[in-house]
Amino acid sequence: GIYIDEYNAAGTWISGQYKYTLTATGSQTIGLQYKPSSTLIKTAQIQYIFNAKATPYTVYLDDIKFLQP
């Protein structure tokens, strides 16, 4: 799964948004919409979540782009 953590200017976690669940194997290009949950959000961090009981598991990240609409 893909989760976006949101932080204020002091670096304190404010909230997060769960954005995507992948259940199939293989290579994919994923496009997501992201809008900060409030005007207090100053930075965001992408987090990957996977099921440790599902083996084998390998996560490769090639490229991330945060683009303003």
Protein backbone atom coordinates (compact mmCIF):
# COMPACT_ATOMS: atom_id res chain seq x y z
CA GLY A 1 0.00 0.00 0.00
CA ILE A 2 1.00 3.61 -0.43
CA TYR A 3 0.46 6.07 2.40
CA ILE A 4 1.37 9.77 2.53
CA ASP A 5 2.38 11.21 5.90
CA GLU A 6 1.81 14.94 6.37
CA TYR A 7 3.85 17.22 8.64
CA ASN A 8 3.65 20.83 9.80
CA ALA A 9 6.48 23.39 9.61
CA ALA A 10 7.98 22.10 12.90
CA GLY A 11 8.16 18.56 11.50
CA THR A 12 5.34 17.25 13.68
CA TRP A 13 3.12 14.62 12.08
CA ILE A 14 -0.35 16.07 11.45
CA SER A 15 -2.18 13.41 9.47
CA GLY A 16 -1.88 10.89 6.70
CA GLN A 17 -3.68 9.67 3.63
CA TYR A 18 -3.85 6.06 2.49
CA LYS A 19 -3.72 6.31 -1.29
CA TYR A 20 -3.37 2.93 -2.96
CA THR A 21 -3.45 -0.83 -2.48
CA LEU A 22 -1.67 -3.18 -4.86
CA THR A 23 -2.66 -6.83 -4.75
CA ALA A 24 -1.12 -8.12 -7.99
CA THR A 25 2.50 -8.86 -8.74
CA GLY A 26 4.47 -7.27 -11.53
CA SER A 27 5.63 -3.88 -12.64
CA GLN A 28 3.19 -0.98 -12.74
CA THR A 29 3.01 2.74 -13.20
CA ILE A 30 0.73 4.29 -10.61
CA GLY A 31 -0.70 7.80 -10.76
CA LEU A 32 -2.25 9.29 -7.65
CA GLN A 33 -4.02 12.51 -6.78
CA TYR A 34 -2.77 14.23 -3.65
CA LYS A 35 -4.07 17.35 -1.95
CA PRO A 36 -2.75 18.34 1.50
CA SER A 37 -5.41 17.82 4.17
CA SER A 38 -4.98 21.35 5.57
CA THR A 39 -3.03 24.58 5.10
CA LEU A 40 -0.86 23.53 8.07
CA ILE A 41 0.83 20.84 5.96
CA LYS A 42 4.32 21.96 4.93
CA THR A 43 5.98 18.64 4.02
CA ALA A 44 4.84 15.19 2.94
CA GLN A 45 6.53 11.80 2.97
CA ILE A 46 5.60 8.66 1.06
CA GLN A 47 5.43 5.42 3.04
CA TYR A 48 5.16 1.92 1.60
CA ILE A 49 3.29 -0.73 3.52
CA PHE A 50 3.52 -4.43 2.68
CA ASN A 51 2.37 -7.70 4.16
CA ALA A 52 5.40 -9.35 5.76
CA LYS A 53 3.61 -12.71 5.76
CA ALA A 54 3.27 -12.65 1.96
CA THR A 55 6.52 -14.04 0.61
CA PRO A 56 8.45 -13.40 -1.44
CA TYR A 57 8.11 -9.64 -1.29
CA THR A 58 10.25 -7.11 -3.05
CA VAL A 59 9.51 -3.43 -3.49
CA TYR A 60 11.37 -1.33 -6.03
CA LEU A 61 10.81 2.38 -6.35
CA ASP A 62 12.05 3.92 -9.56
CA ASP A 63 10.63 7.43 -9.62
CA ILE A 64 8.34 9.69 -7.63
CA LYS A 65 7.07 13.03 -8.82
CA PHE A 66 4.95 15.44 -6.82
CA LEU A 67 3.42 17.78 -9.38
CA GLN A 68 1.22 20.75 -8.66
CA PRO A 69 -2.04 20.77 -10.61
